[in-house]
Amino acid sequence: MIDSNGVRIPLLKCVIFIVDWTKARVVTDICEQEKVRFHYIVKGRGTASSDILDLLGIGSTEKAVIMCLEQDVGVASLLKEVTKKIGLHNPGAGISFTLPLSGINQPILQVFKESIEKNFKISLEAEAEKVISETKFDLIVSVVNQGYSDEFMAVAREAGATGGTVINARGIVHQGPVKFFGISVQDEKEIITILSTREKKAPIMQAVSQAFGISSKAGGIIFSLPVDGVAGLDLK
C-alpha cells in the first residue's frame, strides 16, 4: 500500500509468543537480534488440565507472554529463529501466533516507514521461508473478575478449548470507580486468552458467555480477534 506521498506503507503484525518464563530471555534476545523495534513482556499462568499437561508437557506454570510489532516481511524470519532456538515444533515448548493490525499511531508508523525499502527486498525470501500455519484461528480474549479463571477454563474446555493463558490485570477509568451492571471496572481482573480453531470459537464463546458474561458475578467481557498464523501447537 502507498500513502499520499508515494511512500510504501508497511504491513504490520502483532506477534505474540507464550513460553515458559525460563525461556523468556531467549525470545527477547532473538527479538533484539532480528532488530524488532518494540517488544513487551508480561507474566501469565498456563491453564491446561492435567490430562493435557501429560500429553503436551505444559500446565499451570509461569508463562511469559511476549508481544512485539514487526513488518509482515520480517515475521517469517522471527518465527523461524524462535522455533529453532526454543523448539516450538516440540509439544509443550510454547506457542506463537500473529494478529494483523488495523491501525497504529503515526510516530510509530514512521519508524517502520524509514526502513521499509531496505526490508521490502527480502519479502520474497521471507515468503518462501514462511513457517506459520495457513489454518484459520481465532484468539478468544476474556476479561473477568479475579478468582474465576479456573472455573472459566473448566467450562471452556468442556466446549472444546485445549488450554489458555491467564494474565492478572486491573480495570482503570478516569473518574474514579465506575459501575456498569453493578460491576466495578476498577476491580482486580484476570485476562484469559484462548487460541482456538475457527470452528470451535463459537461454541467456546457461547459457553463461557452464558456462565461468565457481564451480568454474572464474574462480570466477563468476551471478544475474539482473527489470527492469521500459528506455530507451536496443533489445535485441529
Protein backbone atom coordinates (compact mmCIF):
# COMPACT_ATOMS: atom_id res chain seq x y z
CA MET A 1 0.00 0.00 0.00
CA ILE A 2 1.22 3.52 -0.89
CA ASP A 3 0.37 6.66 1.08
CA SER A 4 -0.44 10.12 -0.36
CA ASN A 5 3.28 11.00 -0.52
CA GLY A 6 4.14 7.94 -2.57
CA VAL A 7 5.78 6.13 0.36
CA ARG A 8 5.09 2.43 0.78
CA ILE A 9 3.12 1.77 3.99
CA PRO A 10 4.48 -1.31 5.76
CA LEU A 11 2.07 -4.10 6.60
CA LEU A 12 2.50 -4.60 10.35
CA LYS A 13 1.70 -7.59 12.52
CA CYS A 14 1.44 -8.09 16.26
CA VAL A 15 3.43 -11.23 17.06
CA ILE A 16 2.71 -12.98 20.37
CA PHE A 17 4.81 -15.70 21.98
CA ILE A 18 3.67 -17.69 25.02
CA VAL A 19 6.53 -19.70 26.53
CA ASP A 20 7.74 -20.86 29.93
CA TRP A 21 9.06 -17.94 31.97
CA THR A 22 12.53 -19.50 31.97
CA LYS A 23 12.61 -19.20 28.15
CA ALA A 24 11.59 -15.54 28.04
CA ARG A 25 15.16 -14.25 27.71
CA VAL A 26 15.74 -16.49 24.69
CA VAL A 27 12.80 -14.89 22.87
CA THR A 28 13.74 -11.33 23.84
CA ASP A 29 17.34 -11.93 22.71
CA ILE A 30 16.04 -13.12 19.33
CA CYS A 31 13.84 -10.02 19.09
CA GLU A 32 16.94 -7.88 19.57
CA GLN A 33 18.94 -9.99 17.12
CA GLU A 34 16.18 -9.62 14.50
CA LYS A 35 16.07 -5.85 15.21
CA VAL A 36 12.45 -5.91 16.35
CA ARG A 37 11.77 -2.32 17.38
CA PHE A 38 9.13 -2.85 20.05
CA HIS A 39 8.54 -5.83 22.31
CA TYR A 40 6.87 -6.13 25.69
CA ILE A 41 6.74 -8.94 28.22
CA VAL A 42 4.19 -9.80 30.92
CA LYS A 43 3.89 -12.76 33.26
CA GLY A 44 0.98 -15.15 32.85
CA ARG A 45 -0.16 -18.59 34.03
CA GLY A 46 -0.90 -21.66 31.95
CA THR A 47 -4.28 -23.35 32.43
CA ALA A 48 -4.05 -26.73 30.72
CA SER A 49 -5.82 -29.56 32.55
CA SER A 50 -3.79 -32.45 33.96
CA ASP A 51 -4.56 -34.76 31.03
CA ILE A 52 -3.48 -32.09 28.54
CA LEU A 53 -0.43 -31.47 30.76
CA ASP A 54 0.52 -35.14 30.49
CA LEU A 55 0.02 -35.07 26.74
CA LEU A 56 1.76 -31.78 25.91
CA GLY A 57 4.06 -31.23 28.86
CA ILE A 58 2.51 -27.88 29.73
CA GLY A 59 0.18 -26.79 32.52
CA SER A 60 -0.27 -24.32 35.35
CA THR A 61 3.27 -23.00 35.20
CA GLU A 62 4.52 -19.42 35.00
CA LYS A 63 4.37 -18.24 31.41
CA ALA A 64 5.94 -15.32 29.63
CA VAL A 65 3.66 -13.52 27.19
CA ILE A 66 5.87 -11.57 24.80
CA MET A 67 4.25 -9.14 22.35
CA CYS A 68 6.06 -7.36 19.57
CA LEU A 69 5.38 -5.35 16.41
CA GLU A 70 7.04 -6.39 13.19
CA GLN A 71 6.69 -5.83 9.47
CA ASP A 72 5.00 -8.69 7.65
CA VAL A 73 8.15 -9.32 5.62
CA GLY A 74 10.14 -9.93 8.81
CA VAL A 75 7.66 -12.14 10.65
CA ALA A 76 8.70 -15.40 8.98
CA SER A 77 12.36 -14.91 9.92
CA LEU A 78 11.44 -14.03 13.51
CA LEU A 79 9.22 -17.10 13.91
CA LYS A 80 11.82 -19.31 12.26
CA GLU A 81 14.51 -18.25 14.74
CA VAL A 82 12.28 -18.67 17.80
CA THR A 83 11.04 -22.05 16.55
CA LYS A 84 14.65 -23.20 16.06
CA LYS A 85 16.01 -21.90 19.39
CA ILE A 86 13.06 -22.92 21.61
CA GLY A 87 11.81 -25.85 19.55
CA LEU A 88 8.22 -24.68 19.11
CA HIS A 89 7.67 -27.73 16.88
CA ASN A 90 8.04 -29.91 20.02
CA PRO A 91 4.99 -30.50 22.28
CA GLY A 92 4.93 -28.20 25.29
CA ALA A 93 7.70 -25.86 24.11
CA GLY A 94 5.34 -22.91 23.64
CA ILE A 95 3.16 -21.28 21.05
CA SER A 96 3.24 -18.23 18.83
CA PHE A 97 0.67 -16.51 16.66
CA THR A 98 0.25 -13.32 14.67
CA LEU A 99 -2.51 -10.73 14.59
CA PRO A 100 -2.98 -8.20 11.78
CA LEU A 101 -3.09 -4.55 12.87
CA SER A 102 -5.92 -2.31 11.69
CA GLY A 103 -4.24 0.91 12.81
CA ILE A 104 -1.25 2.41 14.63
CA ASN A 105 -0.25 5.92 15.72
CA GLN A 106 1.71 7.95 13.18
CA PRO A 107 5.08 8.36 15.01
CA ILE A 108 5.40 4.59 15.42
CA LEU A 109 4.39 4.00 11.80
CA GLN A 110 7.07 6.48 10.71
CA VAL A 111 9.75 4.37 12.41
CA PHE A 112 8.78 1.44 10.21
CA LYS A 113 8.45 3.59 7.07
CA GLU A 114 12.08 4.68 7.38
CA SER A 115 13.31 1.14 6.85
CA ILE A 116 10.61 -0.18 4.50
CA GLU A 117 12.77 0.00 1.36
CA LYS A 118 15.58 -1.96 2.98
CA ASN A 119 13.23 -4.66 4.29
CA PHE A 120 10.95 -4.85 1.26
CA LYS A 121 13.65 -6.51 -0.85
CA ILE A 122 13.61 -9.57 1.45
CA SER A 123 9.87 -10.06 1.14
CA LEU A 124 10.09 -12.85 -1.44
CA GLU A 125 12.68 -14.70 0.62
CA ALA A 126 10.58 -14.31 3.76
CA GLU A 127 7.52 -15.62 1.95
CA ALA A 128 9.46 -18.64 0.74
CA GLU A 129 10.56 -19.44 4.30
CA LYS A 130 7.15 -18.88 5.84
CA VAL A 131 6.72 -21.12 8.91
CA ILE A 132 3.28 -20.12 10.12
CA SER A 133 0.20 -22.22 9.54
CA GLU A 134 -2.40 -21.27 6.96
CA THR A 135 -5.18 -22.73 9.10
CA LYS A 136 -7.66 -20.13 10.33
CA PHE A 137 -7.63 -19.50 14.07
CA ASP A 138 -9.14 -17.00 16.48
CA LEU A 139 -7.89 -15.61 19.78
CA ILE A 140 -10.66 -15.50 22.37
CA VAL A 141 -9.98 -12.78 24.93
CA SER A 142 -11.99 -12.66 28.16
CA VAL A 143 -11.70 -10.14 30.98
CA VAL A 144 -13.29 -11.45 34.20
CA ASN A 145 -13.22 -10.58 37.87
CA GLN A 146 -10.36 -12.15 39.78
CA GLY A 147 -10.82 -15.69 41.05
CA TYR A 148 -12.91 -17.11 38.21
CA SER A 149 -10.23 -18.31 35.81
CA ASP A 150 -10.20 -21.95 36.94
CA GLU A 151 -13.99 -22.29 36.67
CA PHE A 152 -13.91 -20.36 33.42
CA MET A 153 -11.37 -22.72 31.87
CA ALA A 154 -13.31 -25.79 33.04
CA VAL A 155 -16.34 -24.55 31.08
CA ALA A 156 -14.17 -23.57 28.11
CA ARG A 157 -12.54 -27.00 27.98
CA GLU A 158 -15.94 -28.68 28.05
CA ALA A 159 -16.83 -26.60 24.98
CA GLY A 160 -13.66 -27.58 23.11
CA ALA A 161 -10.76 -25.44 24.37
CA THR A 162 -7.44 -27.22 24.98
CA GLY A 163 -5.96 -24.60 27.29
CA GLY A 164 -5.38 -20.92 27.83
CA THR A 165 -3.21 -18.30 29.48
CA VAL A 166 -4.22 -16.07 32.40
CA ILE A 167 -2.80 -12.58 32.95
CA ASN A 168 -3.58 -10.58 36.09
CA ALA A 169 -4.78 -7.04 35.38
CA ARG A 170 -6.77 -4.13 36.80
CA GLY A 171 -9.54 -2.07 35.25
CA ILE A 172 -8.85 1.67 35.08
CA VAL A 173 -11.22 4.60 34.44
CA HIS A 174 -10.66 8.37 34.53
CA GLN A 175 -13.32 9.49 37.01
CA GLY A 176 -12.91 7.13 39.97
CA PRO A 177 -14.78 3.84 40.47
CA VAL A 178 -17.46 3.37 37.84
CA LYS A 179 -20.04 0.62 37.82
CA PHE A 180 -21.71 -0.99 34.82
CA PHE A 181 -24.48 -3.50 35.59
CA GLY A 182 -23.40 -3.15 39.24
CA ILE A 183 -19.83 -4.24 38.50
CA SER A 184 -16.87 -2.01 39.36
CA VAL A 185 -14.46 -1.69 36.47
CA GLN A 186 -11.63 -0.99 38.91
CA ASP A 187 -11.77 -4.45 40.48
CA GLU A 188 -8.77 -6.74 40.06
CA LYS A 189 -9.22 -8.65 36.81
CA GLU A 190 -7.96 -11.75 35.05
CA ILE A 191 -7.43 -11.67 31.29
CA ILE A 192 -7.88 -15.15 29.86
CA THR A 193 -6.67 -15.82 26.33
CA ILE A 194 -7.62 -18.97 24.43
CA LEU A 195 -6.33 -19.84 20.98
CA SER A 196 -8.99 -21.76 19.09
CA THR A 197 -9.76 -23.05 15.63
CA ARG A 198 -12.47 -21.02 13.94
CA GLU A 199 -14.85 -23.99 14.09
CA LYS A 200 -14.58 -24.23 17.87
CA LYS A 201 -14.68 -20.48 18.55
CA ALA A 202 -18.47 -20.04 18.62
CA PRO A 203 -19.23 -22.97 20.98
CA ILE A 204 -16.50 -21.86 23.38
CA MET A 205 -17.63 -18.22 23.38
CA GLN A 206 -21.28 -19.18 23.82
CA ALA A 207 -20.47 -21.46 26.76
CA VAL A 208 -18.26 -19.01 28.67
CA SER A 209 -20.53 -16.04 27.89
CA GLN A 210 -23.52 -17.87 29.34
CA ALA A 211 -21.67 -18.81 32.52
CA PHE A 212 -19.36 -15.81 32.98
CA GLY A 213 -20.88 -12.96 30.98
CA ILE A 214 -21.29 -9.33 32.01
CA SER A 215 -24.44 -10.00 34.07
CA SER A 216 -22.80 -12.81 36.08
CA LYS A 217 -20.67 -12.42 39.21
CA ALA A 218 -17.60 -12.88 37.01
CA GLY A 219 -18.62 -9.78 35.02
CA GLY A 220 -16.97 -11.12 31.90
CA ILE A 221 -16.27 -9.11 28.75
CA ILE A 222 -15.57 -11.63 25.99
CA PHE A 223 -14.46 -10.99 22.41
CA SER A 224 -12.35 -12.60 19.70
CA LEU A 225 -9.65 -11.48 17.28
CA PRO A 226 -8.69 -13.10 13.95
CA VAL A 227 -5.32 -14.86 13.96
CA ASP A 228 -3.55 -15.16 10.63
CA GLY A 229 -0.76 -17.54 11.60
CA VAL A 230 0.11 -20.08 14.30
CA ALA A 231 3.23 -22.02 15.24
CA GLY A 232 3.91 -24.43 18.08
CA LEU A 233 0.63 -26.23 18.72
CA ASP A 234 -1.75 -28.27 16.60
CA LEU A 235 -5.28 -27.24 17.60
CA LYS A 236 -7.09 -29.06 14.79
